[in-house]
Amino acid sequence: MRGAKALTLLAMLLLIIAGGTVFFHRVEGWSWLDSYFFTVVTLSTVGYGELVPATPMGKIGTTVFILVGLGIFAVAIQQFGAFAVKKREEHTEWLIARLGHRHPNDQEEPEAANDPDTPESGER
């Protein structure tokens, strides 16, 4: 289920980027590259300000694009972040389980590598 959710979010993100690119190319008359660049910069909230919609339809479309696209973009970033954190937790649990497994013949605790050397009582 997690994989399907990630693919759905990725597909929605790609769809909103493609839709924005086509919209700005047609409405503003920008090149495909400029339209794509503006779409990604606007969606990611970076907003360099190099390109600015000049037509009323472009301005209205940009505000709608920001409201819809930013929500999808934020959810996608949050989900991919949550996935990364989950993987990190699973790896940490695996490491703890692996390090916690000792051979049954080991009777005494192994010495930790970071324990400070302390003199025995009576030694100086």
C-alpha atoms as a PDB file:
ATOM      1  CA  MET A   1       0.000   0.000   0.000  1.00  0.00           C
ATOM      2  CA  ARG A   2       2.855   2.376   0.797  1.00  0.00           C
ATOM      3  CA  GLY A   3       4.279   1.982  -2.712  1.00  0.00           C
ATOM      4  CA  ALA A   4       0.921   2.688  -4.355  1.00  0.00           C
ATOM      5  CA  LYS A   5       0.494   5.823  -2.255  1.00  0.00           C
ATOM      6  CA  ALA A   6       3.950   7.079  -3.222  1.00  0.00           C
ATOM      7  CA  LEU A   7       3.314   6.372  -6.898  1.00  0.00           C
ATOM      8  CA  THR A   8      -0.023   8.189  -6.744  1.00  0.00           C
ATOM      9  CA  LEU A   9       1.583  11.244  -5.152  1.00  0.00           C
ATOM     10  CA  LEU A  10       4.413  11.198  -7.684  1.00  0.00           C
ATOM     11  CA  ALA A  11       1.928  10.894 -10.546  1.00  0.00           C
ATOM     12  CA  MET A  12      -0.126  13.796  -9.172  1.00  0.00           C
ATOM     13  CA  LEU A  13       3.002  15.888  -8.803  1.00  0.00           C
ATOM     14  CA  LEU A  14       4.088  15.143 -12.368  1.00  0.00           C
ATOM     15  CA  LEU A  15       0.579  15.866 -13.620  1.00  0.00           C
ATOM     16  CA  ILE A  16       0.424  19.245 -11.893  1.00  0.00           C
ATOM     17  CA  ILE A  17       3.878  20.168 -13.261  1.00  0.00           C
ATOM     18  CA  ALA A  18       2.876  19.097 -16.778  1.00  0.00           C
ATOM     19  CA  GLY A  19      -0.437  20.935 -16.509  1.00  0.00           C
ATOM     20  CA  GLY A  20       1.241  24.117 -15.290  1.00  0.00           C
ATOM     21  CA  THR A  21       3.838  23.920 -18.037  1.00  0.00           C
ATOM     22  CA  VAL A  22       1.185  23.576 -20.754  1.00  0.00           C
ATOM     23  CA  PHE A  23      -0.959  26.315 -19.188  1.00  0.00           C
ATOM     24  CA  PHE A  24       1.833  28.902 -19.041  1.00  0.00           C
ATOM     25  CA  HIS A  25       3.106  27.959 -22.490  1.00  0.00           C
ATOM     26  CA  ARG A  26      -0.324  28.579 -24.027  1.00  0.00           C
ATOM     27  CA  VAL A  27      -1.592  31.490 -21.926  1.00  0.00           C
ATOM     28  CA  GLU A  28       1.619  33.482 -21.490  1.00  0.00           C
ATOM     29  CA  GLY A  29       3.283  32.377 -24.739  1.00  0.00           C
ATOM     30  CA  TRP A  30       6.492  31.386 -22.961  1.00  0.00           C
ATOM     31  CA  SER A  31       8.828  28.703 -24.283  1.00  0.00           C
ATOM     32  CA  TRP A  32       8.370  25.173 -22.975  1.00  0.00           C
ATOM     33  CA  LEU A  33      11.511  25.501 -20.883  1.00  0.00           C
ATOM     34  CA  ASP A  34      10.463  28.851 -19.379  1.00  0.00           C
ATOM     35  CA  SER A  35       6.980  27.488 -18.677  1.00  0.00           C
ATOM     36  CA  TYR A  36       8.408  24.416 -16.966  1.00  0.00           C
ATOM     37  CA  PHE A  37      10.896  26.528 -15.001  1.00  0.00           C
ATOM     38  CA  PHE A  38       8.188  28.927 -13.813  1.00  0.00           C
ATOM     39  CA  THR A  39       5.954  26.014 -12.850  1.00  0.00           C
ATOM     40  CA  VAL A  40       8.593  24.302 -10.715  1.00  0.00           C
ATOM     41  CA  VAL A  41       9.868  27.537  -9.158  1.00  0.00           C
ATOM     42  CA  THR A  42       6.315  28.612  -8.277  1.00  0.00           C
ATOM     43  CA  LEU A  43       5.296  25.173  -7.015  1.00  0.00           C
ATOM     44  CA  SER A  44       8.342  24.894  -4.779  1.00  0.00           C
ATOM     45  CA  THR A  45       7.713  28.426  -3.425  1.00  0.00           C
ATOM     46  CA  VAL A  46      11.192  29.565  -4.453  1.00  0.00           C
ATOM     47  CA  GLY A  47       9.848  32.315  -6.723  1.00  0.00           C
ATOM     48  CA  TYR A  48      12.913  33.846  -8.390  1.00  0.00           C
ATOM     49  CA  GLY A  49      10.783  36.552 -10.008  1.00  0.00           C
ATOM     50  CA  GLU A  50      12.484  36.276 -13.399  1.00  0.00           C
ATOM     51  CA  LEU A  51       9.210  35.382 -15.083  1.00  0.00           C
ATOM     52  CA  VAL A  52       5.932  37.011 -14.103  1.00  0.00           C
ATOM     53  CA  PRO A  53       2.541  36.346 -15.687  1.00  0.00           C
ATOM     54  CA  ALA A  54       1.451  39.397 -17.677  1.00  0.00           C
ATOM     55  CA  THR A  55      -2.051  38.388 -18.775  1.00  0.00           C
ATOM     56  CA  PRO A  56      -5.098  38.451 -16.481  1.00  0.00           C
ATOM     57  CA  MET A  57      -5.728  34.774 -17.249  1.00  0.00           C
ATOM     58  CA  GLY A  58      -2.106  33.982 -16.409  1.00  0.00           C
ATOM     59  CA  LYS A  59      -2.377  35.783 -13.072  1.00  0.00           C
ATOM     60  CA  ILE A  60      -5.636  34.058 -12.146  1.00  0.00           C
ATOM     61  CA  GLY A  61      -4.271  30.700 -13.303  1.00  0.00           C
ATOM     62  CA  THR A  62      -1.136  31.228 -11.222  1.00  0.00           C
ATOM     63  CA  THR A  63      -3.121  31.812  -8.036  1.00  0.00           C
ATOM     64  CA  VAL A  64      -5.226  28.694  -8.649  1.00  0.00           C
ATOM     65  CA  PHE A  65      -2.082  26.754  -9.539  1.00  0.00           C
ATOM     66  CA  ILE A  66      -0.400  27.851  -6.298  1.00  0.00           C
ATOM     67  CA  LEU A  67      -3.372  26.878  -4.120  1.00  0.00           C
ATOM     68  CA  VAL A  68      -3.851  23.478  -5.728  1.00  0.00           C
ATOM     69  CA  GLY A  69      -0.249  22.665  -6.537  1.00  0.00           C
ATOM     70  CA  LEU A  70       1.257  23.723  -3.249  1.00  0.00           C
ATOM     71  CA  GLY A  71      -1.045  21.373  -1.348  1.00  0.00           C
ATOM     72  CA  ILE A  72      -0.047  18.435  -3.541  1.00  0.00           C
ATOM     73  CA  PHE A  73       3.622  19.413  -3.397  1.00  0.00           C
ATOM     74  CA  ALA A  74       3.551  19.735   0.410  1.00  0.00           C
ATOM     75  CA  VAL A  75       1.853  16.355   0.858  1.00  0.00           C
ATOM     76  CA  ALA A  76       4.355  14.721  -1.499  1.00  0.00           C
ATOM     77  CA  ILE A  77       7.334  16.175   0.375  1.00  0.00           C
ATOM     78  CA  GLN A  78       5.814  15.168   3.725  1.00  0.00           C
ATOM     79  CA  GLN A  79       5.130  11.616   2.554  1.00  0.00           C
ATOM     80  CA  PHE A  80       8.593  11.134   1.100  1.00  0.00           C
ATOM     81  CA  GLY A  81      10.075  12.531   4.318  1.00  0.00           C
ATOM     82  CA  ALA A  82       7.968  10.157   6.398  1.00  0.00           C
ATOM     83  CA  PHE A  83       9.113   7.276   4.188  1.00  0.00           C
ATOM     84  CA  ALA A  84      12.770   8.233   4.736  1.00  0.00           C
ATOM     85  CA  VAL A  85      12.264   8.467   8.508  1.00  0.00           C
ATOM     86  CA  LYS A  86      10.507   5.072   8.549  1.00  0.00           C
ATOM     87  CA  LYS A  87      13.376   3.472   6.619  1.00  0.00           C
ATOM     88  CA  ARG A  88      15.867   5.031   9.036  1.00  0.00           C
ATOM     89  CA  GLU A  89      13.920   3.676  12.029  1.00  0.00           C
ATOM     90  CA  GLU A  90      13.782   0.195  10.486  1.00  0.00           C
ATOM     91  CA  HIS A  91      17.524   0.281   9.845  1.00  0.00           C
ATOM     92  CA  THR A  92      18.204   1.435  13.416  1.00  0.00           C
ATOM     93  CA  GLU A  93      16.022  -1.360  14.818  1.00  0.00           C
ATOM     94  CA  TRP A  94      17.868  -3.867  12.622  1.00  0.00           C
ATOM     95  CA  LEU A  95      21.223  -2.577  13.878  1.00  0.00           C
ATOM     96  CA  ILE A  96      20.118  -2.736  17.511  1.00  0.00           C
ATOM     97  CA  ALA A  97      18.826  -6.280  17.056  1.00  0.00           C
ATOM     98  CA  ARG A  98      22.014  -7.339  15.301  1.00  0.00           C
ATOM     99  CA  LEU A  99      24.302  -5.734  17.873  1.00  0.00           C
ATOM    100  CA  GLY A 100      22.205  -7.087  20.732  1.00  0.00           C
ATOM    101  CA  HIS A 101      22.604 -10.685  19.498  1.00  0.00           C
ATOM    102  CA  ARG A 102      25.462 -12.368  21.335  1.00  0.00           C
ATOM    103  CA  HIS A 103      26.854 -15.843  21.205  1.00  0.00           C
ATOM    104  CA  PRO A 104      25.367 -18.079  23.965  1.00  0.00           C
ATOM    105  CA  ASN A 105      28.875 -19.006  25.231  1.00  0.00           C
ATOM    106  CA  ASP A 106      29.649 -15.384  26.111  1.00  0.00           C
ATOM    107  CA  GLN A 107      29.371 -15.192  29.902  1.00  0.00           C
ATOM    108  CA  GLU A 108      30.671 -11.730  30.623  1.00  0.00           C
ATOM    109  CA  GLU A 109      29.652  -8.417  29.143  1.00  0.00           C
ATOM    110  CA  PRO A 110      31.927  -7.229  26.388  1.00  0.00           C
ATOM    111  CA  GLU A 111      33.805  -4.047  27.157  1.00  0.00           C
ATOM    112  CA  ALA A 112      32.507  -0.982  25.384  1.00  0.00           C
ATOM    113  CA  ALA A 113      34.990   0.685  23.076  1.00  0.00           C
ATOM    114  CA  ASN A 114      34.180   4.113  24.473  1.00  0.00           C
ATOM    115  CA  ASP A 115      34.466   3.229  28.189  1.00  0.00           C
ATOM    116  CA  PRO A 116      37.141   5.346  29.832  1.00  0.00           C
ATOM    117  CA  ASP A 117      40.054   3.426  31.282  1.00  0.00           C
ATOM    118  CA  THR A 118      39.657   3.469  35.041  1.00  0.00           C
ATOM    119  CA  PRO A 119      42.373   2.227  37.344  1.00  0.00           C
ATOM    120  CA  GLU A 120      41.617  -0.786  39.496  1.00  0.00           C
ATOM    121  CA  SER A 121      41.034  -0.068  43.175  1.00  0.00           C
ATOM    122  CA  GLY A 122      44.415   0.106  44.849  1.00  0.00           C
ATOM    123  CA  GLU A 123      46.358   0.888  41.660  1.00  0.00           C
ATOM    124  CA  ARG A 124      47.840   4.340  41.191  1.00  0.00           C
END
